[in-house]
Structure formats: structure tokens, C-alpha cells
PDB file of N, CA and C in Angstrom:
ATOM      1  N   MET A   1      -2.956  58.592  40.701  1.00  0.00           N
ATOM      2  CA  MET A   1      -3.323  57.422  39.933  1.00  0.00           C
ATOM      3  C   MET A   1      -4.372  57.835  38.919  1.00  0.00           C
ATOM      4  N   ALA A   2      -4.237  57.378  37.684  1.00  0.00           N
ATOM      5  CA  ALA A   2      -5.212  57.694  36.652  1.00  0.00           C
ATOM      6  C   ALA A   2      -6.556  57.081  37.012  1.00  0.00           C
ATOM      7  N   ALA A   3      -7.629  57.747  36.602  1.00  0.00           N
ATOM      8  CA  ALA A   3      -8.970  57.308  36.957  1.00  0.00           C
ATOM      9  C   ALA A   3      -9.269  55.905  36.461  1.00  0.00           C
ATOM     10  N   ASP A   4      -8.711  55.510  35.311  1.00  0.00           N
ATOM     11  CA  ASP A   4      -9.030  54.192  34.771  1.00  0.00           C
ATOM     12  C   ASP A   4      -7.947  53.152  35.060  1.00  0.00           C
ATOM     13  N   ALA A   5      -6.911  53.542  35.759  1.00  0.00           N
ATOM     14  CA  ALA A   5      -5.823  52.608  36.074  1.00  0.00           C
ATOM     15  C   ALA A   5      -6.150  51.860  37.356  1.00  0.00           C
ATOM     16  N   SER A   6      -5.657  50.653  37.439  1.00  0.00           N
ATOM     17  CA  SER A   6      -5.837  49.895  38.666  1.00  0.00           C
ATOM     18  C   SER A   6      -4.477  49.627  39.293  1.00  0.00           C
ATOM     19  N   LEU A   7      -4.497  49.408  40.585  1.00  0.00           N
ATOM     20  CA  LEU A   7      -3.275  49.084  41.312  1.00  0.00           C
ATOM     21  C   LEU A   7      -2.884  47.642  41.046  1.00  0.00           C
ATOM     22  N   LYS A   8      -1.601  47.374  41.146  1.00  0.00           N
ATOM     23  CA  LYS A   8      -1.163  45.985  41.143  1.00  0.00           C
ATOM     24  C   LYS A   8      -1.823  45.330  42.350  1.00  0.00           C
ATOM     25  N   PRO A   9      -2.306  44.104  42.207  1.00  0.00           N
ATOM     26  CA  PRO A   9      -3.014  43.472  43.345  1.00  0.00           C
ATOM     27  C   PRO A   9      -2.192  43.452  44.630  1.00  0.00           C
ATOM     28  N   HIS A  10      -0.907  43.148  44.548  1.00  0.00           N
ATOM     29  CA  HIS A  10      -0.141  43.089  45.793  1.00  0.00           C
ATOM     30  C   HIS A  10       0.051  44.478  46.399  1.00  0.00           C
ATOM     31  N   TRP A  11       0.069  45.527  45.587  1.00  0.00           N
ATOM     32  CA  TRP A  11       0.132  46.884  46.137  1.00  0.00           C
ATOM     33  C   TRP A  11      -1.156  47.203  46.881  1.00  0.00           C
ATOM     34  N   PHE A  12      -2.279  46.838  46.286  1.00  0.00           N
ATOM     35  CA  PHE A  12      -3.579  47.068  46.937  1.00  0.00           C
ATOM     36  C   PHE A  12      -3.588  46.415  48.317  1.00  0.00           C
ATOM     37  N   TYR A  13      -3.148  45.160  48.383  1.00  0.00           N
ATOM     38  CA  TYR A  13      -3.151  44.450  49.659  1.00  0.00           C
ATOM     39  C   TYR A  13      -2.173  45.060  50.659  1.00  0.00           C
ATOM     40  N   ILE A  14      -1.035  45.538  50.204  1.00  0.00           N
ATOM     41  CA  ILE A  14      -0.085  46.193  51.109  1.00  0.00           C
ATOM     42  C   ILE A  14      -0.715  47.460  51.687  1.00  0.00           C
ATOM     43  N   LEU A  15      -1.324  48.278  50.840  1.00  0.00           N
ATOM     44  CA  LEU A  15      -1.991  49.488  51.327  1.00  0.00           C
ATOM     45  C   LEU A  15      -3.123  49.130  52.282  1.00  0.00           C
ATOM     46  N   LEU A  16      -3.862  48.082  51.953  1.00  0.00           N
ATOM     47  CA  LEU A  16      -4.960  47.637  52.801  1.00  0.00           C
ATOM     48  C   LEU A  16      -4.436  47.173  54.163  1.00  0.00           C
ATOM     49  N   ALA A  17      -3.323  46.458  54.173  1.00  0.00           N
ATOM     50  CA  ALA A  17      -2.726  46.013  55.436  1.00  0.00           C
ATOM     51  C   ALA A  17      -2.328  47.212  56.296  1.00  0.00           C
ATOM     52  N   LEU A  18      -1.821  48.257  55.670  1.00  0.00           N
ATOM     53  CA  LEU A  18      -1.385  49.439  56.419  1.00  0.00           C
ATOM     54  C   LEU A  18      -2.536  50.358  56.800  1.00  0.00           C
ATOM     55  N   ALA A  19      -3.710  50.152  56.227  1.00  0.00           N
ATOM     56  CA  ALA A  19      -4.860  51.001  56.548  1.00  0.00           C
ATOM     57  C   ALA A  19      -5.282  50.843  58.005  1.00  0.00           C
ATOM     58  N   GLU A  20      -4.982  49.694  58.599  1.00  0.00           N
ATOM     59  CA  GLU A  20      -5.340  49.451  59.997  1.00  0.00           C
ATOM     60  C   GLU A  20      -4.312  50.001  60.971  1.00  0.00           C
ATOM     61  N   GLY A  21      -3.109  50.272  60.500  1.00  0.00           N
ATOM     62  CA  GLY A  21      -2.088  50.811  61.397  1.00  0.00           C
ATOM     63  C   GLY A  21      -0.689  50.489  60.908  1.00  0.00           C
ATOM     64  N   ASP A  22       0.276  51.018  61.606  1.00  0.00           N
ATOM     65  CA  ASP A  22       1.686  50.840  61.249  1.00  0.00           C
ATOM     66  C   ASP A  22       2.077  49.371  61.396  1.00  0.00           C
ATOM     67  N   ARG A  23       2.912  48.903  60.470  1.00  0.00           N
ATOM     68  CA  ARG A  23       3.371  47.514  60.507  1.00  0.00           C
ATOM     69  C   ARG A  23       4.797  47.433  59.970  1.00  0.00           C
ATOM     70  N   HIS A  24       5.511  46.410  60.398  1.00  0.00           N
ATOM     71  CA  HIS A  24       6.820  46.124  59.824  1.00  0.00           C
ATOM     72  C   HIS A  24       6.623  45.163  58.655  1.00  0.00           C
ATOM     73  N   GLY A  25       7.681  44.983  57.867  1.00  0.00           N
ATOM     74  CA  GLY A  25       7.584  44.211  56.634  1.00  0.00           C
ATOM     75  C   GLY A  25       6.988  42.828  56.789  1.00  0.00           C
ATOM     76  N   LEU A  26       7.468  42.051  57.752  1.00  0.00           N
ATOM     77  CA  LEU A  26       6.967  40.688  57.928  1.00  0.00           C
ATOM     78  C   LEU A  26       5.494  40.694  58.323  1.00  0.00           C
ATOM     79  N   ALA A  27       5.088  41.632  59.163  1.00  0.00           N
ATOM     80  CA  ALA A  27       3.680  41.738  59.557  1.00  0.00           C
ATOM     81  C   ALA A  27       2.813  42.104  58.349  1.00  0.00           C
ATOM     82  N   ILE A  28       3.332  42.952  57.480  1.00  0.00           N
ATOM     83  CA  ILE A  28       2.600  43.305  56.256  1.00  0.00           C
ATOM     84  C   ILE A  28       2.422  42.057  55.410  1.00  0.00           C
ATOM     85  N   ALA A  29       3.496  41.299  55.194  1.00  0.00           N
ATOM     86  CA  ALA A  29       3.429  40.088  54.372  1.00  0.00           C
ATOM     87  C   ALA A  29       2.424  39.095  54.937  1.00  0.00           C
ATOM     88  N   ARG A  30       2.432  38.917  56.246  1.00  0.00           N
ATOM     89  CA  ARG A  30       1.478  37.989  56.884  1.00  0.00           C
ATOM     90  C   ARG A  30       0.044  38.478  56.721  1.00  0.00           C
ATOM     91  N   ASP A  31      -0.171  39.772  56.915  1.00  0.00           N
ATOM     92  CA  ASP A  31      -1.522  40.325  56.790  1.00  0.00           C
ATOM     93  C   ASP A  31      -2.020  40.216  55.352  1.00  0.00           C
ATOM     94  N   VAL A  32      -1.155  40.485  54.384  1.00  0.00           N
ATOM     95  CA  VAL A  32      -1.530  40.364  52.968  1.00  0.00           C
ATOM     96  C   VAL A  32      -1.946  38.934  52.668  1.00  0.00           C
ATOM     97  N   GLN A  33      -1.194  37.975  53.154  1.00  0.00           N
ATOM     98  CA  GLN A  33      -1.540  36.574  52.907  1.00  0.00           C
ATOM     99  C   GLN A  33      -2.894  36.243  53.534  1.00  0.00           C
ATOM    100  N   SER A  34      -3.140  36.745  54.726  1.00  0.00           N
ATOM    101  CA  SER A  34      -4.413  36.511  55.400  1.00  0.00           C
ATOM    102  C   SER A  34      -5.571  37.204  54.677  1.00  0.00           C
ATOM    103  N   LEU A  35      -5.379  38.480  54.334  1.00  0.00           N
ATOM    104  CA  LEU A  35      -6.429  39.246  53.656  1.00  0.00           C
ATOM    105  C   LEU A  35      -6.815  38.634  52.311  1.00  0.00           C
ATOM    106  N   SER A  36      -5.847  38.020  51.646  1.00  0.00           N
ATOM    107  CA  SER A  36      -6.089  37.443  50.317  1.00  0.00           C
ATOM    108  C   SER A  36      -6.428  35.947  50.389  1.00  0.00           C
ATOM    109  N   ASP A  37      -6.711  35.450  51.599  1.00  0.00           N
ATOM    110  CA  ASP A  37      -6.988  34.018  51.791  1.00  0.00           C
ATOM    111  C   ASP A  37      -5.895  33.152  51.188  1.00  0.00           C
ATOM    112  N   GLY A  38      -4.653  33.590  51.327  1.00  0.00           N
ATOM    113  CA  GLY A  38      -3.511  32.834  50.832  1.00  0.00           C
ATOM    114  C   GLY A  38      -3.224  33.027  49.359  1.00  0.00           C
ATOM    115  N   GLY A  39      -4.015  33.828  48.683  1.00  0.00           N
ATOM    116  CA  GLY A  39      -3.851  34.034  47.243  1.00  0.00           C
ATOM    117  C   GLY A  39      -2.660  34.899  46.868  1.00  0.00           C
ATOM    118  N   VAL A  40      -2.234  35.768  47.770  1.00  0.00           N
ATOM    119  CA  VAL A  40      -1.095  36.651  47.507  1.00  0.00           C
ATOM    120  C   VAL A  40      -0.047  36.381  48.571  1.00  0.00           C
ATOM    121  N   ARG A  41       1.094  35.912  48.119  1.00  0.00           N
ATOM    122  CA  ARG A  41       2.214  35.646  49.021  1.00  0.00           C
ATOM    123  C   ARG A  41       3.359  36.563  48.598  1.00  0.00           C
ATOM    124  N   LEU A  42       3.824  37.352  49.529  1.00  0.00           N
ATOM    125  CA  LEU A  42       4.894  38.303  49.239  1.00  0.00           C
ATOM    126  C   LEU A  42       6.236  37.752  49.704  1.00  0.00           C
ATOM    127  N   TRP A  43       7.040  37.327  48.752  1.00  0.00           N
ATOM    128  CA  TRP A  43       8.398  36.897  49.062  1.00  0.00           C
ATOM    129  C   TRP A  43       9.220  38.154  49.323  1.00  0.00           C
ATOM    130  N   PRO A  44      10.331  38.053  50.039  1.00  0.00           N
ATOM    131  CA  PRO A  44      11.086  39.254  50.428  1.00  0.00           C
ATOM    132  C   PRO A  44      11.416  40.214  49.285  1.00  0.00           C
ATOM    133  N   ALA A  45      11.867  39.710  48.150  1.00  0.00           N
ATOM    134  CA  ALA A  45      12.228  40.623  47.048  1.00  0.00           C
ATOM    135  C   ALA A  45      11.009  41.394  46.562  1.00  0.00           C
ATOM    136  N   THR A  46       9.877  40.721  46.446  1.00  0.00           N
ATOM    137  CA  THR A  46       8.646  41.390  46.009  1.00  0.00           C
ATOM    138  C   THR A  46       8.158  42.367  47.066  1.00  0.00           C
ATOM    139  N   LEU A  47       8.168  41.931  48.318  1.00  0.00           N
ATOM    140  CA  LEU A  47       7.697  42.781  49.411  1.00  0.00           C
ATOM    141  C   LEU A  47       8.513  44.059  49.504  1.00  0.00           C
ATOM    142  N   TYR A  48       9.827  43.925  49.624  1.00  0.00           N
ATOM    143  CA  TYR A  48      10.648  45.120  49.862  1.00  0.00           C
ATOM    144  C   TYR A  48      10.793  45.975  48.603  1.00  0.00           C
ATOM    145  N   GLY A  49      10.752  45.364  47.435  1.00  0.00           N
ATOM    146  CA  GLY A  49      10.717  46.139  46.199  1.00  0.00           C
ATOM    147  C   GLY A  49       9.434  46.944  46.095  1.00  0.00           C
ATOM    148  N   SER A  50       8.314  46.316  46.467  1.00  0.00           N
ATOM    149  CA  SER A  50       7.024  47.010  46.450  1.00  0.00           C
ATOM    150  C   SER A  50       6.987  48.129  47.478  1.00  0.00           C
ATOM    151  N   LEU A  51       7.508  47.862  48.677  1.00  0.00           N
ATOM    152  CA  LEU A  51       7.542  48.912  49.704  1.00  0.00           C
ATOM    153  C   LEU A  51       8.375  50.103  49.231  1.00  0.00           C
ATOM    154  N   ASP A  52       9.490  49.836  48.571  1.00  0.00           N
ATOM    155  CA  ASP A  52      10.311  50.925  48.023  1.00  0.00           C
ATOM    156  C   ASP A  52       9.543  51.708  46.964  1.00  0.00           C
ATOM    157  N   GLU A  53       8.844  51.003  46.092  1.00  0.00           N
ATOM    158  CA  GLU A  53       8.068  51.677  45.035  1.00  0.00           C
ATOM    159  C   GLU A  53       6.924  52.498  45.637  1.00  0.00           C
ATOM    160  N   LEU A  54       6.234  51.946  46.615  1.00  0.00           N
ATOM    161  CA  LEU A  54       5.131  52.673  47.259  1.00  0.00           C
ATOM    162  C   LEU A  54       5.654  53.893  48.014  1.00  0.00           C
ATOM    163  N   ARG A  55       6.851  53.783  48.592  1.00  0.00           N
ATOM    164  CA  ARG A  55       7.472  54.950  49.242  1.00  0.00           C
ATOM    165  C   ARG A  55       7.824  56.006  48.201  1.00  0.00           C
ATOM    166  N   ALA A  56       8.359  55.580  47.058  1.00  0.00           N
ATOM    167  CA  ALA A  56       8.723  56.531  46.000  1.00  0.00           C
ATOM    168  C   ALA A  56       7.491  57.272  45.490  1.00  0.00           C
ATOM    169  N   ARG A  57       6.355  56.605  45.484  1.00  0.00           N
ATOM    170  CA  ARG A  57       5.103  57.241  45.053  1.00  0.00           C
ATOM    171  C   ARG A  57       4.467  58.071  46.169  1.00  0.00           C
ATOM    172  N   LYS A  58       5.083  58.012  47.368  1.00  0.00           N
ATOM    173  CA  LYS A  58       4.611  58.728  48.552  1.00  0.00           C
ATOM    174  C   LYS A  58       3.253  58.230  49.038  1.00  0.00           C
ATOM    175  N   TRP A  59       2.972  56.957  48.810  1.00  0.00           N
ATOM    176  CA  TRP A  59       1.735  56.331  49.283  1.00  0.00           C
ATOM    177  C   TRP A  59       1.933  55.716  50.660  1.00  0.00           C
ATOM    178  N   ILE A  60       3.191  55.429  51.009  1.00  0.00           N
ATOM    179  CA  ILE A  60       3.537  54.975  52.346  1.00  0.00           C
ATOM    180  C   ILE A  60       4.806  55.702  52.762  1.00  0.00           C
ATOM    181  N   GLU A  61       5.102  55.638  54.059  1.00  0.00           N
ATOM    182  CA  GLU A  61       6.346  56.212  54.555  1.00  0.00           C
ATOM    183  C   GLU A  61       6.944  55.264  55.578  1.00  0.00           C
ATOM    184  N   ALA A  62       8.258  55.262  55.651  1.00  0.00           N
ATOM    185  CA  ALA A  62       8.967  54.482  56.661  1.00  0.00           C
ATOM    186  C   ALA A  62       9.053  55.338  57.913  1.00  0.00           C
ATOM    187  N   LEU A  63       8.846  54.722  59.045  1.00  0.00           N
ATOM    188  CA  LEU A  63       8.900  55.455  60.306  1.00  0.00           C
ATOM    189  C   LEU A  63      10.328  55.494  60.826  1.00  0.00           C
ATOM    190  N   ALA A  64      10.714  56.628  61.355  1.00  0.00           N
ATOM    191  CA  ALA A  64      12.066  56.793  61.873  1.00  0.00           C
ATOM    192  C   ALA A  64      12.228  56.105  63.225  1.00  0.00           C
ATOM    193  N   GLU A  65      11.164  56.051  64.005  1.00  0.00           N
ATOM    194  CA  GLU A  65      11.237  55.468  65.341  1.00  0.00           C
ATOM    195  C   GLU A  65      10.588  54.094  65.365  1.00  0.00           C
ATOM    196  N   HIS A  66      11.103  53.233  66.226  1.00  0.00           N
ATOM    197  CA  HIS A  66      10.574  51.885  66.395  1.00  0.00           C
ATOM    198  C   HIS A  66       9.890  51.790  67.750  1.00  0.00           C
ATOM    199  N   PRO A  67       8.821  51.017  67.833  1.00  0.00           N
ATOM    200  CA  PRO A  67       8.231  50.797  69.164  1.00  0.00           C
ATOM    201  C   PRO A  67       9.293  50.214  70.102  1.00  0.00           C
ATOM    202  N   GLU A  68       9.218  50.563  71.355  1.00  0.00           N
ATOM    203  CA  GLU A  68      10.251  50.167  72.321  1.00  0.00           C
ATOM    204  C   GLU A  68      10.441  48.657  72.404  1.00  0.00           C
ATOM    205  N   HIS A  69       9.384  47.897  72.279  1.00  0.00           N
ATOM    206  CA  HIS A  69       9.478  46.452  72.445  1.00  0.00           C
ATOM    207  C   HIS A  69       9.922  45.738  71.170  1.00  0.00           C
ATOM    208  N   GLU A  70      10.175  46.465  70.113  1.00  0.00           N
ATOM    209  CA  GLU A  70      10.546  45.857  68.838  1.00  0.00           C
ATOM    210  C   GLU A  70      12.031  46.039  68.530  1.00  0.00           C
ATOM    211  N   SER A  71      12.542  45.165  67.717  1.00  0.00           N
ATOM    212  CA  SER A  71      13.933  45.218  67.279  1.00  0.00           C
ATOM    213  C   SER A  71      14.145  46.448  66.398  1.00  0.00           C
ATOM    214  N   GLU A  72      15.289  47.079  66.536  1.00  0.00           N
ATOM    215  CA  GLU A  72      15.598  48.232  65.691  1.00  0.00           C
ATOM    216  C   GLU A  72      15.847  47.815  64.246  1.00  0.00           C
ATOM    217  N   ARG A  73      16.046  46.521  64.017  1.00  0.00           N
ATOM    218  CA  ARG A  73      16.270  46.046  62.652  1.00  0.00           C
ATOM    219  C   ARG A  73      14.985  46.072  61.835  1.00  0.00           C
ATOM    220  N   ARG A  74      13.852  46.061  62.495  1.00  0.00           N
ATOM    221  CA  ARG A  74      12.584  46.082  61.780  1.00  0.00           C
ATOM    222  C   ARG A  74      12.225  47.506  61.407  1.00  0.00           C
ATOM    223  N   ARG A  75      11.901  47.702  60.146  1.00  0.00           N
ATOM    224  CA  ARG A  75      11.463  49.017  59.688  1.00  0.00           C
ATOM    225  C   ARG A  75       9.936  49.000  59.640  1.00  0.00           C
ATOM    226  N   TYR A  76       9.344  50.010  60.234  1.00  0.00           N
ATOM    227  CA  TYR A  76       7.892  50.132  60.242  1.00  0.00           C
ATOM    228  C   TYR A  76       7.448  51.088  59.148  1.00  0.00           C
ATOM    229  N   TYR A  77       6.248  50.825  58.629  1.00  0.00           N
ATOM    230  CA  TYR A  77       5.694  51.623  57.541  1.00  0.00           C
ATOM    231  C   TYR A  77       4.321  52.126  57.939  1.00  0.00           C
ATOM    232  N   ARG A  78       3.975  53.254  57.343  1.00  0.00           N
ATOM    233  CA  ARG A  78       2.680  53.889  57.617  1.00  0.00           C
ATOM    234  C   ARG A  78       2.072  54.338  56.291  1.00  0.00           C
ATOM    235  N   LEU A  79       0.769  54.208  56.196  1.00  0.00           N
ATOM    236  CA  LEU A  79       0.022  54.694  55.043  1.00  0.00           C
ATOM    237  C   LEU A  79      -0.041  56.219  55.113  1.00  0.00           C
ATOM    238  N   THR A  80       0.238  56.891  54.018  1.00  0.00           N
ATOM    239  CA  THR A  80       0.138  58.354  53.975  1.00  0.00           C
ATOM    240  C   THR A  80      -1.280  58.755  53.571  1.00  0.00           C
ATOM    241  N   ARG A  81      -1.556  60.027  53.648  1.00  0.00           N
ATOM    242  CA  ARG A  81      -2.860  60.532  53.213  1.00  0.00           C
ATOM    243  C   ARG A  81      -3.072  60.206  51.730  1.00  0.00           C
ATOM    244  N   GLY A  82      -2.030  60.401  50.923  1.00  0.00           N
ATOM    245  CA  GLY A  82      -2.121  60.080  49.499  1.00  0.00           C
ATOM    246  C   GLY A  82      -2.372  58.594  49.266  1.00  0.00           C
ATOM    247  N   GLY A  83      -1.710  57.766  50.063  1.00  0.00           N
ATOM    248  CA  GLY A  83      -1.916  56.327  49.956  1.00  0.00           C
ATOM    249  C   GLY A  83      -3.330  55.921  50.322  1.00  0.00           C
ATOM    250  N   ARG A  84      -3.885  56.572  51.336  1.00  0.00           N
ATOM    251  CA  ARG A  84      -5.272  56.278  51.739  1.00  0.00           C
ATOM    252  C   ARG A  84      -6.242  56.685  50.626  1.00  0.00           C
ATOM    253  N   LEU A  85      -5.960  57.804  49.960  1.00  0.00           N
ATOM    254  CA  LEU A  85      -6.810  58.230  48.841  1.00  0.00           C
ATOM    255  C   LEU A  85      -6.737  57.234  47.685  1.00  0.00           C
ATOM    256  N   VAL A  86      -5.538  56.770  47.373  1.00  0.00           N
ATOM    257  CA  VAL A  86      -5.359  55.781  46.309  1.00  0.00           C
ATOM    258  C   VAL A  86      -6.100  54.494  46.671  1.00  0.00           C
ATOM    259  N   LEU A  87      -5.968  54.063  47.921  1.00  0.00           N
ATOM    260  CA  LEU A  87      -6.650  52.851  48.382  1.00  0.00           C
ATOM    261  C   LEU A  87      -8.162  53.023  48.307  1.00  0.00           C
ATOM    262  N   THR A  88      -8.663  54.163  48.720  1.00  0.00           N
ATOM    263  CA  THR A  88     -10.104  54.439  48.662  1.00  0.00           C
ATOM    264  C   THR A  88     -10.594  54.421  47.222  1.00  0.00           C
ATOM    265  N   ASP A  89      -9.861  55.077  46.331  1.00  0.00           N
ATOM    266  CA  ASP A  89     -10.246  55.096  44.911  1.00  0.00           C
ATOM    267  C   ASP A  89     -10.284  53.688  44.331  1.00  0.00           C
ATOM    268  N   GLU A  90      -9.278  52.891  44.653  1.00  0.00           N
ATOM    269  CA  GLU A  90      -9.219  51.526  44.124  1.00  0.00           C
ATOM    270  C   GLU A  90     -10.335  50.665  44.703  1.00  0.00           C
ATOM    271  N   ALA A  91     -10.635  50.824  45.986  1.00  0.00           N
ATOM    272  CA  ALA A  91     -11.729  50.064  46.596  1.00  0.00           C
ATOM    273  C   ALA A  91     -13.058  50.431  45.936  1.00  0.00           C
ATOM    274  N   GLU A  92     -13.246  51.701  45.638  1.00  0.00           N
ATOM    275  CA  GLU A  92     -14.480  52.134  44.960  1.00  0.00           C
ATOM    276  C   GLU A  92     -14.530  51.578  43.539  1.00  0.00           C
ATOM    277  N   ARG A  93     -13.405  51.579  42.838  1.00  0.00           N
ATOM    278  CA  ARG A  93     -13.360  51.023  41.482  1.00  0.00           C
ATOM    279  C   ARG A  93     -13.689  49.535  41.500  1.00  0.00           C
ATOM    280  N   LEU A  94     -13.106  48.818  42.445  1.00  0.00           N
ATOM    281  CA  LEU A  94     -13.380  47.384  42.553  1.00  0.00           C
ATOM    282  C   LEU A  94     -14.838  47.132  42.924  1.00  0.00           C
ATOM    283  N   GLY A  95     -15.414  47.980  43.769  1.00  0.00           N
ATOM    284  CA  GLY A  95     -16.831  47.859  44.128  1.00  0.00           C
ATOM    285  C   GLY A  95     -17.730  48.042  42.906  1.00  0.00           C
ATOM    286  N   ARG A  96     -17.410  49.053  42.080  1.00  0.00           N
ATOM    287  CA  ARG A  96     -18.195  49.266  40.849  1.00  0.00           C
ATOM    288  C   ARG A  96     -18.070  48.061  39.919  1.00  0.00           C
ATOM    289  N   LEU A  97     -16.870  47.532  39.800  1.00  0.00           N
ATOM    290  CA  LEU A  97     -16.637  46.370  38.947  1.00  0.00           C
ATOM    291  C   LEU A  97     -17.416  45.157  39.460  1.00  0.00           C
ATOM    292  N   ALA A  98     -17.419  44.946  40.774  1.00  0.00           N
ATOM    293  CA  ALA A  98     -18.164  43.825  41.360  1.00  0.00           C
ATOM    294  C   ALA A  98     -19.664  43.988  41.129  1.00  0.00           C
ATOM    295  N   ARG A  99     -20.180  45.216  41.280  1.00  0.00           N
ATOM    296  CA  ARG A  99     -21.607  45.453  41.026  1.00  0.00           C
ATOM    297  C   ARG A  99     -21.958  45.172  39.567  1.00  0.00           C
ATOM    298  N   LEU A 100     -21.102  45.603  38.658  1.00  0.00           N
ATOM    299  CA  LEU A 100     -21.322  45.348  37.237  1.00  0.00           C
ATOM    300  C   LEU A 100     -21.318  43.847  36.957  1.00  0.00           C
ATOM    301  N   ALA A 101     -20.365  43.143  37.530  1.00  0.00           N
ATOM    302  CA  ALA A 101     -20.276  41.698  37.315  1.00  0.00           C
ATOM    303  C   ALA A 101     -21.520  40.997  37.850  1.00  0.00           C
ATOM    304  N   ARG A 102     -21.969  41.368  39.054  1.00  0.00           N
ATOM    305  CA  ARG A 102     -23.182  40.747  39.619  1.00  0.00           C
ATOM    306  C   ARG A 102     -24.387  41.035  38.746  1.00  0.00           C
ATOM    307  N   SER A 103     -24.473  42.247  38.236  1.00  0.00           N
ATOM    308  CA  SER A 103     -25.592  42.617  37.367  1.00  0.00           C
ATOM    309  C   SER A 103     -25.583  41.781  36.090  1.00  0.00           C
ATOM    310  N   ARG A 104     -24.431  41.633  35.496  1.00  0.00           N
ATOM    311  CA  ARG A 104     -24.322  40.850  34.265  1.00  0.00           C
ATOM    312  C   ARG A 104     -24.640  39.368  34.505  1.00  0.00           C
ATOM    313  N   VAL A 105     -24.172  38.859  35.634  1.00  0.00           N
ATOM    314  CA  VAL A 105     -24.438  37.452  35.959  1.00  0.00           C
ATOM    315  C   VAL A 105     -25.940  37.242  36.146  1.00  0.00           C
ATOM    316  N   ARG A 106     -26.598  38.148  36.870  1.00  0.00           N
ATOM    317  CA  ARG A 106     -28.060  38.023  37.075  1.00  0.00           C
ATOM    318  C   ARG A 106     -28.812  38.131  35.767  1.00  0.00           C
ATOM    319  N   THR A 107     -28.375  39.041  34.902  1.00  0.00           N
ATOM    320  CA  THR A 107     -29.029  39.203  33.595  1.00  0.00           C
ATOM    321  C   THR A 107     -28.871  37.926  32.774  1.00  0.00           C
ATOM    322  N   GLY A 108     -27.697  37.334  32.810  1.00  0.00           N
ATOM    323  CA  GLY A 108     -27.443  36.104  32.079  1.00  0.00           C
ATOM    324  C   GLY A 108     -28.252  34.941  32.621  1.00  0.00           C
ATOM    325  N   GLU A 109     -28.524  34.907  33.927  1.00  0.00           N
ATOM    326  CA  GLU A 109     -29.323  33.839  34.524  1.00  0.00           C
ATOM    327  C   GLU A 109     -30.779  33.935  34.120  1.00  0.00           C
ATOM    328  N   ALA A 110     -31.263  35.130  33.788  1.00  0.00           N
ATOM    329  CA  ALA A 110     -32.683  35.327  33.447  1.00  0.00           C
ATOM    330  C   ALA A 110     -33.008  34.797  32.060  1.00  0.00           C
ATOM    331  N   ARG A 111     -32.019  34.538  31.257  1.00  0.00           N
ATOM    332  CA  ARG A 111     -32.286  34.070  29.900  1.00  0.00           C
ATOM    333  C   ARG A 111     -32.656  32.632  29.836  1.00  0.00           C
TER     334      ARG A 111
END
């Protein structure tokens, strides 16, 4: 990822959902909705299209094996090392942006 580029918001949330552990598509969608306080809702076409794109970028991988108690129809995904680096970089970029915004807001309040 380029140093000045940002992730699509729903990609960021998908990577963030997978940072805690392996999940299947529906669990990812639910976690994204929860993490975003309902602000990001992943409909199936967006979710699975995004998962395919993130796999193509090698930021996530589909797992070949399913947990024993789960349906074989569910595909599980895992964050890769590259995906974790991208997520870390984006979290740091967003942190810098938030600090800048808070600084500007405080400066504006002093006037």
C-alpha cells in the first residue's frame, strides 16, 4: 500500500474483524457492523467481492479446513502477515489524522 493511500473503509473493518481471529463471511459482516456502530453494513455482493479482492492482494487467505462444529459450506478467512502490516499502517495513519484534527479543533477554540 502506498504511504499516502488509505484503505477503503469497509476493507479496513474487514481486516480489523479478522485481526482477532479466523471468521466466516457472515461473522465478518456482523463484526464489521458492530465495530462501526452500524455505520458499515456489508451486503453479500460487497462482502464477498471485498473478500475476493483482499485475497487477491494477499492480505487475507481462505482456510482449507473448517472447524468440526461448523458447516462445510462456510468459508473461513484469516488475516495474513501482509494484511496485518497494512492494517497496522492504516491504523497509524488514522491515529495521526485524528491527532491533527484534535489539534486543529483545539487551536480553533482558542480564538
